[in-house]
Amino acid sequence: MIRTFGIIVLAVVVFVGLQSVYIVNEREQALILRLGEPVASVNEPGYEDPGLHFKLPFVMEVLTFDKRNLEFDMQPEEIQAADQVRLVVDAFLRYRVTNPLRFYQTVTDEDGARLRLRSIMDDSLRGVIASIPSNDVISGQRAELMDRVQAAVETQVATQDLGIEVIDVRILRADLPQQIGERVFQRMRSEREQEAARIRAEGDQLAAEIRADAERQATIIEAEARAESERIRGEGDARRNAIYAEAYGRDPEFFSFYRSMDAYRAAIGAGTPIVIPPDSEFFEYFRSEGGQ
């Protein structure tokens, strides 16, 4: 009997001892409740003290919250853009608990946090996307869009004082619903084709203007060059005639002989038959050995 009583007492002591201690590792933070009322926090950011801690058994309760970055992934939902086109948006948010007391008071636990964040994300996404045309959302302004959504989420989280910090907001996908995607795609394709045709027409017109201007300038340049060449040729002919006249004035006989030799070189080639009367003036310098 005494032995059995001792075992019971020992078991009670061990049980009470286990209820008097708790361990908080470095990845967690704890909130201490006394009869349901929060009285202290352990290992919260800025006050790191992980390890073994003590509490009053059966009176105090320990709630632990993850200290690491947490992820909340929204389900894809349809949101209407500024041009009344509905888009399927898939986004997620990363956050961490920075104040376990406010976190417990406002959302209680992670399930409550997910419910609150779902409402905040939905409101922020709809508010931002409703001010942007669908083409801008789809075509590539994703970074600016995510920055605006994150700013809106951070504002609401700070206003509601949830005891969390928003780390990042990302939009994984923002596409048209399948049932209207093909119709919108065809409309966008038609708009792009019209734009391409307009650009090509403007390019053709500009090319024609450039070609016409180039041809006009070429005609002017050729005319000026031709006029310049005629002027130079005229000056050369005048200079040549002046030289001929000067040579003729100095020695008319030599001038006549030189002109005849020049005519022979131009008219008589190898194998060129010439029929001419013997008394022709063209060969007057071949009538005598003296060339008279």
C-alpha atoms as a PDB file:
ATOM      1  CA  MET A   1       0.000   0.000   0.000  1.00  0.00           C
ATOM      2  CA  ILE A   2       2.753   2.443   0.964  1.00  0.00           C
ATOM      3  CA  ARG A   3       4.662   1.576  -2.187  1.00  0.00           C
ATOM      4  CA  THR A   4       1.626   2.202  -4.353  1.00  0.00           C
ATOM      5  CA  PHE A   5       1.002   5.540  -2.636  1.00  0.00           C
ATOM      6  CA  GLY A   6       4.610   6.525  -3.209  1.00  0.00           C
ATOM      7  CA  ILE A   7       4.349   5.727  -6.900  1.00  0.00           C
ATOM      8  CA  ILE A   8       1.185   7.849  -7.143  1.00  0.00           C
ATOM      9  CA  VAL A   9       2.832  10.746  -5.342  1.00  0.00           C
ATOM     10  CA  LEU A  10       5.879  10.495  -7.587  1.00  0.00           C
ATOM     11  CA  ALA A  11       3.692  10.452 -10.678  1.00  0.00           C
ATOM     12  CA  VAL A  12       1.808  13.521  -9.463  1.00  0.00           C
ATOM     13  CA  VAL A  13       5.070  15.340  -8.746  1.00  0.00           C
ATOM     14  CA  VAL A  14       6.437  14.489 -12.206  1.00  0.00           C
ATOM     15  CA  PHE A  15       3.214  15.592 -13.850  1.00  0.00           C
ATOM     16  CA  VAL A  16       3.148  18.867 -11.919  1.00  0.00           C
ATOM     17  CA  GLY A  17       6.820  19.396 -12.732  1.00  0.00           C
ATOM     18  CA  LEU A  18       6.174  18.887 -16.424  1.00  0.00           C
ATOM     19  CA  GLN A  19       3.314  21.369 -16.240  1.00  0.00           C
ATOM     20  CA  SER A  20       5.653  23.895 -14.645  1.00  0.00           C
ATOM     21  CA  VAL A  21       8.191  24.098 -17.472  1.00  0.00           C
ATOM     22  CA  TYR A  22       8.079  24.766 -21.186  1.00  0.00           C
ATOM     23  CA  ILE A  23      10.642  25.102 -23.949  1.00  0.00           C
ATOM     24  CA  VAL A  24      10.704  27.776 -26.641  1.00  0.00           C
ATOM     25  CA  ASN A  25      13.107  27.095 -29.502  1.00  0.00           C
ATOM     26  CA  GLU A  26      14.772  29.787 -31.585  1.00  0.00           C
ATOM     27  CA  ARG A  27      12.188  29.442 -34.390  1.00  0.00           C
ATOM     28  CA  GLU A  28       9.249  30.181 -32.074  1.00  0.00           C
ATOM     29  CA  GLN A  29       7.869  32.912 -29.888  1.00  0.00           C
ATOM     30  CA  ALA A  30       5.435  32.316 -27.039  1.00  0.00           C
ATOM     31  CA  LEU A  31       2.591  34.173 -25.352  1.00  0.00           C
ATOM     32  CA  ILE A  32       1.831  33.343 -21.701  1.00  0.00           C
ATOM     33  CA  LEU A  33      -1.824  33.329 -20.651  1.00  0.00           C
ATOM     34  CA  ARG A  34      -2.944  33.338 -17.041  1.00  0.00           C
ATOM     35  CA  LEU A  35      -6.512  32.175 -16.720  1.00  0.00           C
ATOM     36  CA  GLY A  36      -7.026  33.151 -20.364  1.00  0.00           C
ATOM     37  CA  GLU A  37      -5.493  36.618 -20.050  1.00  0.00           C
ATOM     38  CA  PRO A  38      -2.127  37.374 -21.722  1.00  0.00           C
ATOM     39  CA  VAL A  39       0.494  38.386 -19.198  1.00  0.00           C
ATOM     40  CA  ALA A  40       3.890  37.990 -20.958  1.00  0.00           C
ATOM     41  CA  SER A  41       5.654  37.107 -24.190  1.00  0.00           C
ATOM     42  CA  VAL A  42       8.811  35.068 -24.697  1.00  0.00           C
ATOM     43  CA  ASN A  43      11.412  35.246 -27.494  1.00  0.00           C
ATOM     44  CA  GLU A  44       9.554  37.875 -29.485  1.00  0.00           C
ATOM     45  CA  PRO A  45      11.597  39.902 -32.044  1.00  0.00           C
ATOM     46  CA  GLY A  46      13.980  42.211 -30.248  1.00  0.00           C
ATOM     47  CA  TYR A  47      13.798  40.226 -27.000  1.00  0.00           C
ATOM     48  CA  GLU A  48      15.270  36.866 -27.931  1.00  0.00           C
ATOM     49  CA  ASP A  49      15.401  34.405 -25.011  1.00  0.00           C
ATOM     50  CA  PRO A  50      14.773  30.872 -26.302  1.00  0.00           C
ATOM     51  CA  GLY A  51      15.249  27.838 -24.066  1.00  0.00           C
ATOM     52  CA  LEU A  52      13.714  26.429 -20.878  1.00  0.00           C
ATOM     53  CA  HIS A  53      11.197  28.580 -18.983  1.00  0.00           C
ATOM     54  CA  PHE A  54       8.926  28.118 -15.962  1.00  0.00           C
ATOM     55  CA  LYS A  55       5.244  28.833 -15.360  1.00  0.00           C
ATOM     56  CA  LEU A  56       2.547  28.191 -12.791  1.00  0.00           C
ATOM     57  CA  PRO A  57       1.012  24.798 -13.508  1.00  0.00           C
ATOM     58  CA  PHE A  58      -2.700  24.630 -14.340  1.00  0.00           C
ATOM     59  CA  VAL A  59      -2.926  28.413 -14.113  1.00  0.00           C
ATOM     60  CA  MET A  60      -0.749  29.550 -16.989  1.00  0.00           C
ATOM     61  CA  GLU A  61      -1.056  28.447 -20.611  1.00  0.00           C
ATOM     62  CA  VAL A  62       1.616  28.801 -23.307  1.00  0.00           C
ATOM     63  CA  LEU A  63       0.708  29.657 -26.883  1.00  0.00           C
ATOM     64  CA  THR A  64       3.485  29.415 -29.465  1.00  0.00           C
ATOM     65  CA  PHE A  65       3.680  31.236 -32.773  1.00  0.00           C
ATOM     66  CA  ASP A  66       6.126  30.686 -35.612  1.00  0.00           C
ATOM     67  CA  LYS A  67       8.839  33.313 -35.705  1.00  0.00           C
ATOM     68  CA  ARG A  68       9.852  32.568 -39.299  1.00  0.00           C
ATOM     69  CA  ASN A  69       8.418  34.077 -42.463  1.00  0.00           C
ATOM     70  CA  LEU A  70       4.989  32.607 -43.184  1.00  0.00           C
ATOM     71  CA  GLU A  71       3.224  32.330 -46.538  1.00  0.00           C
ATOM     72  CA  PHE A  72      -0.420  32.911 -47.336  1.00  0.00           C
ATOM     73  CA  ASP A  73      -1.453  31.687 -50.792  1.00  0.00           C
ATOM     74  CA  MET A  74      -4.738  32.999 -52.151  1.00  0.00           C
ATOM     75  CA  GLN A  75      -7.020  30.995 -54.379  1.00  0.00           C
ATOM     76  CA  PRO A  76      -7.287  32.337 -57.953  1.00  0.00           C
ATOM     77  CA  GLU A  77     -10.213  34.725 -58.288  1.00  0.00           C
ATOM     78  CA  GLU A  78     -11.763  36.921 -60.959  1.00  0.00           C
ATOM     79  CA  ILE A  79     -11.158  40.668 -60.628  1.00  0.00           C
ATOM     80  CA  GLN A  80     -12.466  43.383 -62.942  1.00  0.00           C
ATOM     81  CA  ALA A  81      -9.928  45.784 -64.456  1.00  0.00           C
ATOM     82  CA  ALA A  82     -10.452  49.454 -65.316  1.00  0.00           C
ATOM     83  CA  ASP A  83     -11.714  48.625 -68.834  1.00  0.00           C
ATOM     84  CA  GLN A  84     -14.373  46.254 -67.443  1.00  0.00           C
ATOM     85  CA  VAL A  85     -12.417  43.147 -68.501  1.00  0.00           C
ATOM     86  CA  ARG A  86     -12.376  40.398 -65.890  1.00  0.00           C
ATOM     87  CA  LEU A  87      -9.010  38.814 -65.067  1.00  0.00           C
ATOM     88  CA  VAL A  88      -8.116  35.671 -63.164  1.00  0.00           C
ATOM     89  CA  VAL A  89      -5.548  36.737 -60.557  1.00  0.00           C
ATOM     90  CA  ASP A  90      -3.439  34.350 -58.470  1.00  0.00           C
ATOM     91  CA  ALA A  91      -1.327  35.961 -55.718  1.00  0.00           C
ATOM     92  CA  PHE A  92       0.390  35.171 -52.434  1.00  0.00           C
ATOM     93  CA  LEU A  93       1.773  37.066 -49.449  1.00  0.00           C
ATOM     94  CA  ARG A  94       4.682  36.489 -47.074  1.00  0.00           C
ATOM     95  CA  TYR A  95       4.542  37.846 -43.523  1.00  0.00           C
ATOM     96  CA  ARG A  96       5.892  37.270 -40.024  1.00  0.00           C
ATOM     97  CA  VAL A  97       4.509  37.757 -36.535  1.00  0.00           C
ATOM     98  CA  THR A  98       6.275  40.668 -34.824  1.00  0.00           C
ATOM     99  CA  ASN A  99       3.965  41.217 -31.831  1.00  0.00           C
ATOM    100  CA  PRO A 100       2.485  37.988 -30.458  1.00  0.00           C
ATOM    101  CA  LEU A 101       0.216  39.853 -28.039  1.00  0.00           C
ATOM    102  CA  ARG A 102      -1.468  41.965 -30.768  1.00  0.00           C
ATOM    103  CA  PHE A 103      -1.520  38.942 -33.032  1.00  0.00           C
ATOM    104  CA  TYR A 104      -3.434  36.944 -30.380  1.00  0.00           C
ATOM    105  CA  GLN A 105      -5.759  39.836 -29.556  1.00  0.00           C
ATOM    106  CA  THR A 106      -6.690  40.574 -33.194  1.00  0.00           C
ATOM    107  CA  VAL A 107      -6.635  37.237 -35.047  1.00  0.00           C
ATOM    108  CA  THR A 108      -5.950  34.646 -32.283  1.00  0.00           C
ATOM    109  CA  ASP A 109      -3.927  32.232 -34.433  1.00  0.00           C
ATOM    110  CA  GLU A 110      -2.690  31.525 -37.953  1.00  0.00           C
ATOM    111  CA  ASP A 111      -6.117  30.412 -39.138  1.00  0.00           C
ATOM    112  CA  GLY A 112      -7.554  33.729 -38.013  1.00  0.00           C
ATOM    113  CA  ALA A 113      -4.640  35.535 -39.648  1.00  0.00           C
ATOM    114  CA  ARG A 114      -5.337  33.804 -42.956  1.00  0.00           C
ATOM    115  CA  LEU A 115      -8.981  34.868 -42.838  1.00  0.00           C
ATOM    116  CA  ARG A 116      -8.039  38.481 -42.140  1.00  0.00           C
ATOM    117  CA  LEU A 117      -5.259  38.504 -44.759  1.00  0.00           C
ATOM    118  CA  ARG A 118      -7.577  37.005 -47.358  1.00  0.00           C
ATOM    119  CA  SER A 119      -9.945  39.923 -46.877  1.00  0.00           C
ATOM    120  CA  ILE A 120      -7.097  42.466 -46.973  1.00  0.00           C
ATOM    121  CA  MET A 121      -5.496  40.927 -50.066  1.00  0.00           C
ATOM    122  CA  ASP A 122      -8.811  40.706 -51.875  1.00  0.00           C
ATOM    123  CA  ASP A 123      -9.639  44.334 -51.118  1.00  0.00           C
ATOM    124  CA  SER A 124      -6.148  45.560 -52.104  1.00  0.00           C
ATOM    125  CA  LEU A 125      -6.025  43.569 -55.353  1.00  0.00           C
ATOM    126  CA  ARG A 126      -9.464  44.731 -56.431  1.00  0.00           C
ATOM    127  CA  GLY A 127      -8.716  48.343 -55.553  1.00  0.00           C
ATOM    128  CA  VAL A 128      -5.442  48.445 -57.508  1.00  0.00           C
ATOM    129  CA  ILE A 129      -6.456  46.369 -60.543  1.00  0.00           C
ATOM    130  CA  ALA A 130      -9.717  48.310 -60.879  1.00  0.00           C
ATOM    131  CA  SER A 131      -7.618  51.405 -61.680  1.00  0.00           C
ATOM    132  CA  ILE A 132      -5.467  49.753 -64.379  1.00  0.00           C
ATOM    133  CA  PRO A 133      -6.481  48.631 -67.911  1.00  0.00           C
ATOM    134  CA  SER A 134      -6.342  44.885 -68.452  1.00  0.00           C
ATOM    135  CA  ASN A 135      -3.706  45.226 -71.200  1.00  0.00           C
ATOM    136  CA  ASP A 136      -1.293  46.842 -68.743  1.00  0.00           C
ATOM    137  CA  VAL A 137      -1.899  44.105 -66.182  1.00  0.00           C
ATOM    138  CA  ILE A 138      -1.321  41.322 -68.719  1.00  0.00           C
ATOM    139  CA  SER A 139       1.409  42.862 -70.888  1.00  0.00           C
ATOM    140  CA  GLY A 140       4.187  43.427 -68.391  1.00  0.00           C
ATOM    141  CA  GLN A 141       3.724  46.168 -65.786  1.00  0.00           C
ATOM    142  CA  ARG A 142       3.691  43.435 -63.142  1.00  0.00           C
ATOM    143  CA  ALA A 143       6.434  44.886 -60.907  1.00  0.00           C
ATOM    144  CA  GLU A 144       4.707  48.259 -60.538  1.00  0.00           C
ATOM    145  CA  LEU A 145       1.395  46.499 -59.952  1.00  0.00           C
ATOM    146  CA  MET A 146       2.840  44.322 -57.161  1.00  0.00           C
ATOM    147  CA  ASP A 147       4.441  47.354 -55.511  1.00  0.00           C
ATOM    148  CA  ARG A 148       1.089  49.118 -55.423  1.00  0.00           C
ATOM    149  CA  VAL A 149      -0.699  46.062 -54.047  1.00  0.00           C
ATOM    150  CA  GLN A 150       1.959  45.567 -51.369  1.00  0.00           C
ATOM    151  CA  ALA A 151       1.694  49.217 -50.333  1.00  0.00           C
ATOM    152  CA  ALA A 152      -2.097  48.874 -50.042  1.00  0.00           C
ATOM    153  CA  VAL A 153      -1.774  45.666 -47.976  1.00  0.00           C
ATOM    154  CA  GLU A 154       0.830  47.200 -45.668  1.00  0.00           C
ATOM    155  CA  THR A 155      -1.406  50.230 -45.095  1.00  0.00           C
ATOM    156  CA  GLN A 156      -4.378  48.074 -44.063  1.00  0.00           C
ATOM    157  CA  VAL A 157      -2.233  45.801 -41.867  1.00  0.00           C
ATOM    158  CA  ALA A 158      -0.747  48.823 -40.113  1.00  0.00           C
ATOM    159  CA  THR A 159      -4.176  50.431 -39.679  1.00  0.00           C
ATOM    160  CA  GLN A 160      -5.662  47.275 -38.159  1.00  0.00           C
ATOM    161  CA  ASP A 161      -2.532  46.708 -36.013  1.00  0.00           C
ATOM    162  CA  LEU A 162      -2.475  42.931 -36.459  1.00  0.00           C
ATOM    163  CA  GLY A 163       0.968  42.445 -34.931  1.00  0.00           C
ATOM    164  CA  ILE A 164       2.446  41.215 -38.212  1.00  0.00           C
ATOM    165  CA  GLU A 165       4.879  42.588 -40.791  1.00  0.00           C
ATOM    166  CA  VAL A 166       4.275  42.186 -44.526  1.00  0.00           C
ATOM    167  CA  ILE A 167       7.454  40.879 -46.171  1.00  0.00           C
ATOM    168  CA  ASP A 168       6.422  40.480 -49.787  1.00  0.00           C
ATOM    169  CA  VAL A 169       3.428  40.394 -52.120  1.00  0.00           C
ATOM    170  CA  ARG A 170       3.639  38.547 -55.429  1.00  0.00           C
ATOM    171  CA  ILE A 171       1.198  38.075 -58.303  1.00  0.00           C
ATOM    172  CA  LEU A 172       1.824  34.671 -59.828  1.00  0.00           C
ATOM    173  CA  ARG A 173      -0.668  34.962 -62.659  1.00  0.00           C
ATOM    174  CA  ALA A 174      -3.009  37.561 -64.127  1.00  0.00           C
ATOM    175  CA  ASP A 175      -4.758  36.191 -67.204  1.00  0.00           C
ATOM    176  CA  LEU A 176      -8.060  36.386 -68.991  1.00  0.00           C
ATOM    177  CA  PRO A 177     -10.698  33.767 -68.145  1.00  0.00           C
ATOM    178  CA  GLN A 178     -10.621  30.886 -70.588  1.00  0.00           C
ATOM    179  CA  GLN A 179     -14.118  31.545 -71.923  1.00  0.00           C
ATOM    180  CA  ILE A 180     -13.313  35.086 -73.084  1.00  0.00           C
ATOM    181  CA  GLY A 181      -9.577  34.780 -73.626  1.00  0.00           C
ATOM    182  CA  GLU A 182      -9.873  33.812 -77.314  1.00  0.00           C
ATOM    183  CA  ARG A 183     -12.262  36.651 -78.115  1.00  0.00           C
ATOM    184  CA  VAL A 184     -10.116  39.246 -76.405  1.00  0.00           C
ATOM    185  CA  PHE A 185      -7.009  37.775 -78.030  1.00  0.00           C
ATOM    186  CA  GLN A 186      -8.546  38.164 -81.482  1.00  0.00           C
ATOM    187  CA  ARG A 187      -9.531  41.752 -80.696  1.00  0.00           C
ATOM    188  CA  MET A 188      -6.029  42.558 -79.483  1.00  0.00           C
ATOM    189  CA  ARG A 189      -4.557  40.857 -82.542  1.00  0.00           C
ATOM    190  CA  SER A 190      -6.786  42.938 -84.831  1.00  0.00           C
ATOM    191  CA  GLU A 191      -5.737  46.128 -83.040  1.00  0.00           C
ATOM    192  CA  ARG A 192      -2.068  45.207 -83.377  1.00  0.00           C
ATOM    193  CA  GLU A 193      -2.496  44.421 -87.079  1.00  0.00           C
ATOM    194  CA  GLN A 194      -4.170  47.793 -87.646  1.00  0.00           C
ATOM    195  CA  GLU A 195      -1.363  49.514 -85.778  1.00  0.00           C
ATOM    196  CA  ALA A 196       1.233  47.600 -87.827  1.00  0.00           C
ATOM    197  CA  ALA A 197      -0.535  48.560 -91.076  1.00  0.00           C
ATOM    198  CA  ARG A 198      -0.579  52.214 -90.029  1.00  0.00           C
ATOM    199  CA  ILE A 199       3.129  52.138 -89.179  1.00  0.00           C
ATOM    200  CA  ARG A 200       3.947  50.426 -92.483  1.00  0.00           C
ATOM    201  CA  ALA A 201       1.918  53.012 -94.413  1.00  0.00           C
ATOM    202  CA  GLU A 202       3.704  55.849 -92.631  1.00  0.00           C
ATOM    203  CA  GLY A 203       7.031  54.144 -93.371  1.00  0.00           C
ATOM    204  CA  ASP A 204       6.169  53.749 -97.064  1.00  0.00           C
ATOM    205  CA  GLN A 205       5.157  57.411 -97.288  1.00  0.00           C
ATOM    206  CA  LEU A 206       8.342  58.523 -95.563  1.00  0.00           C
ATOM    207  CA  ALA A 207      10.435  56.265 -97.814  1.00  0.00           C
ATOM    208  CA  ALA A 208       8.760  57.721-100.919  1.00  0.00           C
ATOM    209  CA  GLU A 209       9.448  61.264 -99.686  1.00  0.00           C
ATOM    210  CA  ILE A 210      13.087  60.386 -98.997  1.00  0.00           C
ATOM    211  CA  ARG A 211      13.498  58.769-102.438  1.00  0.00           C
ATOM    212  CA  ALA A 212      11.864  61.752-104.180  1.00  0.00           C
ATOM    213  CA  ASP A 213      14.103  64.183-102.301  1.00  0.00           C
ATOM    214  CA  ALA A 214      17.183  62.076-103.104  1.00  0.00           C
ATOM    215  CA  GLU A 215      16.262  61.937-106.801  1.00  0.00           C
ATOM    216  CA  ARG A 216      15.681  65.714-106.849  1.00  0.00           C
ATOM    217  CA  GLN A 217      19.034  66.349-105.206  1.00  0.00           C
ATOM    218  CA  ALA A 218      20.729  63.904-107.610  1.00  0.00           C
ATOM    219  CA  THR A 219      19.184  65.706-110.596  1.00  0.00           C
ATOM    220  CA  ILE A 220      20.379  69.063-109.271  1.00  0.00           C
ATOM    221  CA  ILE A 221      23.866  67.719-108.597  1.00  0.00           C
ATOM    222  CA  GLU A 222      24.087  66.141-112.063  1.00  0.00           C
ATOM    223  CA  ALA A 223      22.896  69.347-113.716  1.00  0.00           C
ATOM    224  CA  GLU A 224      25.399  71.429-111.766  1.00  0.00           C
ATOM    225  CA  ALA A 225      28.165  68.938-112.562  1.00  0.00           C
ATOM    226  CA  ARG A 226      27.212  68.945-116.233  1.00  0.00           C
ATOM    227  CA  ALA A 227      27.192  72.735-116.320  1.00  0.00           C
ATOM    228  CA  GLU A 228      30.550  72.826-114.563  1.00  0.00           C
ATOM    229  CA  SER A 229      32.007  70.284-116.980  1.00  0.00           C
ATOM    230  CA  GLU A 230      30.726  72.264-119.975  1.00  0.00           C
ATOM    231  CA  ARG A 231      32.230  75.398-118.500  1.00  0.00           C
ATOM    232  CA  ILE A 232      35.589  73.699-117.951  1.00  0.00           C
ATOM    233  CA  ARG A 233      35.442  72.136-121.411  1.00  0.00           C
ATOM    234  CA  GLY A 234      34.655  75.534-122.932  1.00  0.00           C
ATOM    235  CA  GLU A 235      37.541  77.099-121.067  1.00  0.00           C
ATOM    236  CA  GLY A 236      39.791  74.271-122.300  1.00  0.00           C
ATOM    237  CA  ASP A 237      38.649  74.680-125.884  1.00  0.00           C
ATOM    238  CA  ALA A 238      39.163  78.409-125.639  1.00  0.00           C
ATOM    239  CA  ARG A 239      42.615  77.895-124.196  1.00  0.00           C
ATOM    240  CA  ARG A 240      43.436  75.335-126.906  1.00  0.00           C
ATOM    241  CA  ASN A 241      42.257  77.642-129.671  1.00  0.00           C
ATOM    242  CA  ALA A 242      44.291  80.460-128.142  1.00  0.00           C
ATOM    243  CA  ILE A 243      47.366  78.220-128.165  1.00  0.00           C
ATOM    244  CA  TYR A 244      46.639  77.211-131.787  1.00  0.00           C
ATOM    245  CA  ALA A 245      46.187  80.823-132.783  1.00  0.00           C
ATOM    246  CA  GLU A 246      49.408  81.812-131.075  1.00  0.00           C
ATOM    247  CA  ALA A 247      51.260  78.941-132.743  1.00  0.00           C
ATOM    248  CA  TYR A 248      49.798  79.834-136.120  1.00  0.00           C
ATOM    249  CA  GLY A 249      50.881  83.426-135.702  1.00  0.00           C
ATOM    250  CA  ARG A 250      54.447  82.421-134.908  1.00  0.00           C
ATOM    251  CA  ASP A 251      54.898  79.797-137.704  1.00  0.00           C
ATOM    252  CA  PRO A 252      51.928  79.204-140.006  1.00  0.00           C
ATOM    253  CA  GLU A 253      53.751  76.562-142.008  1.00  0.00           C
ATOM    254  CA  PHE A 254      54.662  74.482-138.950  1.00  0.00           C
ATOM    255  CA  PHE A 255      51.143  74.873-137.621  1.00  0.00           C
ATOM    256  CA  SER A 256      49.696  73.567-140.872  1.00  0.00           C
ATOM    257  CA  PHE A 257      52.156  70.651-140.828  1.00  0.00           C
ATOM    258  CA  TYR A 258      51.263  69.756-137.211  1.00  0.00           C
ATOM    259  CA  ARG A 259      47.537  69.834-137.913  1.00  0.00           C
ATOM    260  CA  SER A 260      48.025  67.565-140.926  1.00  0.00           C
ATOM    261  CA  MET A 261      50.048  65.047-138.885  1.00  0.00           C
ATOM    262  CA  ASP A 262      47.372  65.081-136.216  1.00  0.00           C
ATOM    263  CA  ALA A 263      44.713  64.430-138.874  1.00  0.00           C
ATOM    264  CA  TYR A 264      46.772  61.527-140.302  1.00  0.00           C
ATOM    265  CA  ARG A 265      47.039  59.939-136.826  1.00  0.00           C
ATOM    266  CA  ALA A 266      43.310  60.204-136.285  1.00  0.00           C
ATOM    267  CA  ALA A 267      42.235  59.042-139.747  1.00  0.00           C
ATOM    268  CA  ILE A 268      44.761  56.388-140.708  1.00  0.00           C
ATOM    269  CA  GLY A 269      44.883  53.231-138.639  1.00  0.00           C
ATOM    270  CA  ALA A 270      46.539  49.889-139.211  1.00  0.00           C
ATOM    271  CA  GLY A 271      44.968  48.185-142.231  1.00  0.00           C
ATOM    272  CA  THR A 272      42.795  51.164-143.092  1.00  0.00           C
ATOM    273  CA  PRO A 273      42.186  51.398-146.862  1.00  0.00           C
ATOM    274  CA  ILE A 274      41.896  54.972-148.165  1.00  0.00           C
ATOM    275  CA  VAL A 275      40.945  55.880-151.736  1.00  0.00           C
ATOM    276  CA  ILE A 276      41.875  59.457-152.511  1.00  0.00           C
ATOM    277  CA  PRO A 277      43.017  61.304-155.713  1.00  0.00           C
ATOM    278  CA  PRO A 278      46.781  61.970-155.990  1.00  0.00           C
ATOM    279  CA  ASP A 279      46.366  65.718-156.032  1.00  0.00           C
ATOM    280  CA  SER A 280      44.285  65.773-152.852  1.00  0.00           C
ATOM    281  CA  GLU A 281      45.261  68.467-150.362  1.00  0.00           C
ATOM    282  CA  PHE A 282      44.962  65.897-147.525  1.00  0.00           C
ATOM    283  CA  PHE A 283      48.301  64.301-148.541  1.00  0.00           C
ATOM    284  CA  GLU A 284      50.055  67.465-149.699  1.00  0.00           C
ATOM    285  CA  TYR A 285      53.037  66.742-147.397  1.00  0.00           C
ATOM    286  CA  PHE A 286      53.624  63.370-149.131  1.00  0.00           C
ATOM    287  CA  ARG A 287      54.191  64.852-152.643  1.00  0.00           C
ATOM    288  CA  SER A 288      57.864  65.605-152.255  1.00  0.00           C
ATOM    289  CA  GLU A 289      60.755  64.447-150.134  1.00  0.00           C
ATOM    290  CA  GLY A 290      61.005  67.911-148.657  1.00  0.00           C
ATOM    291  CA  GLY A 291      57.418  67.848-147.633  1.00  0.00           C
ATOM    292  CA  GLN A 292      56.607  70.974-149.746  1.00  0.00           C
END
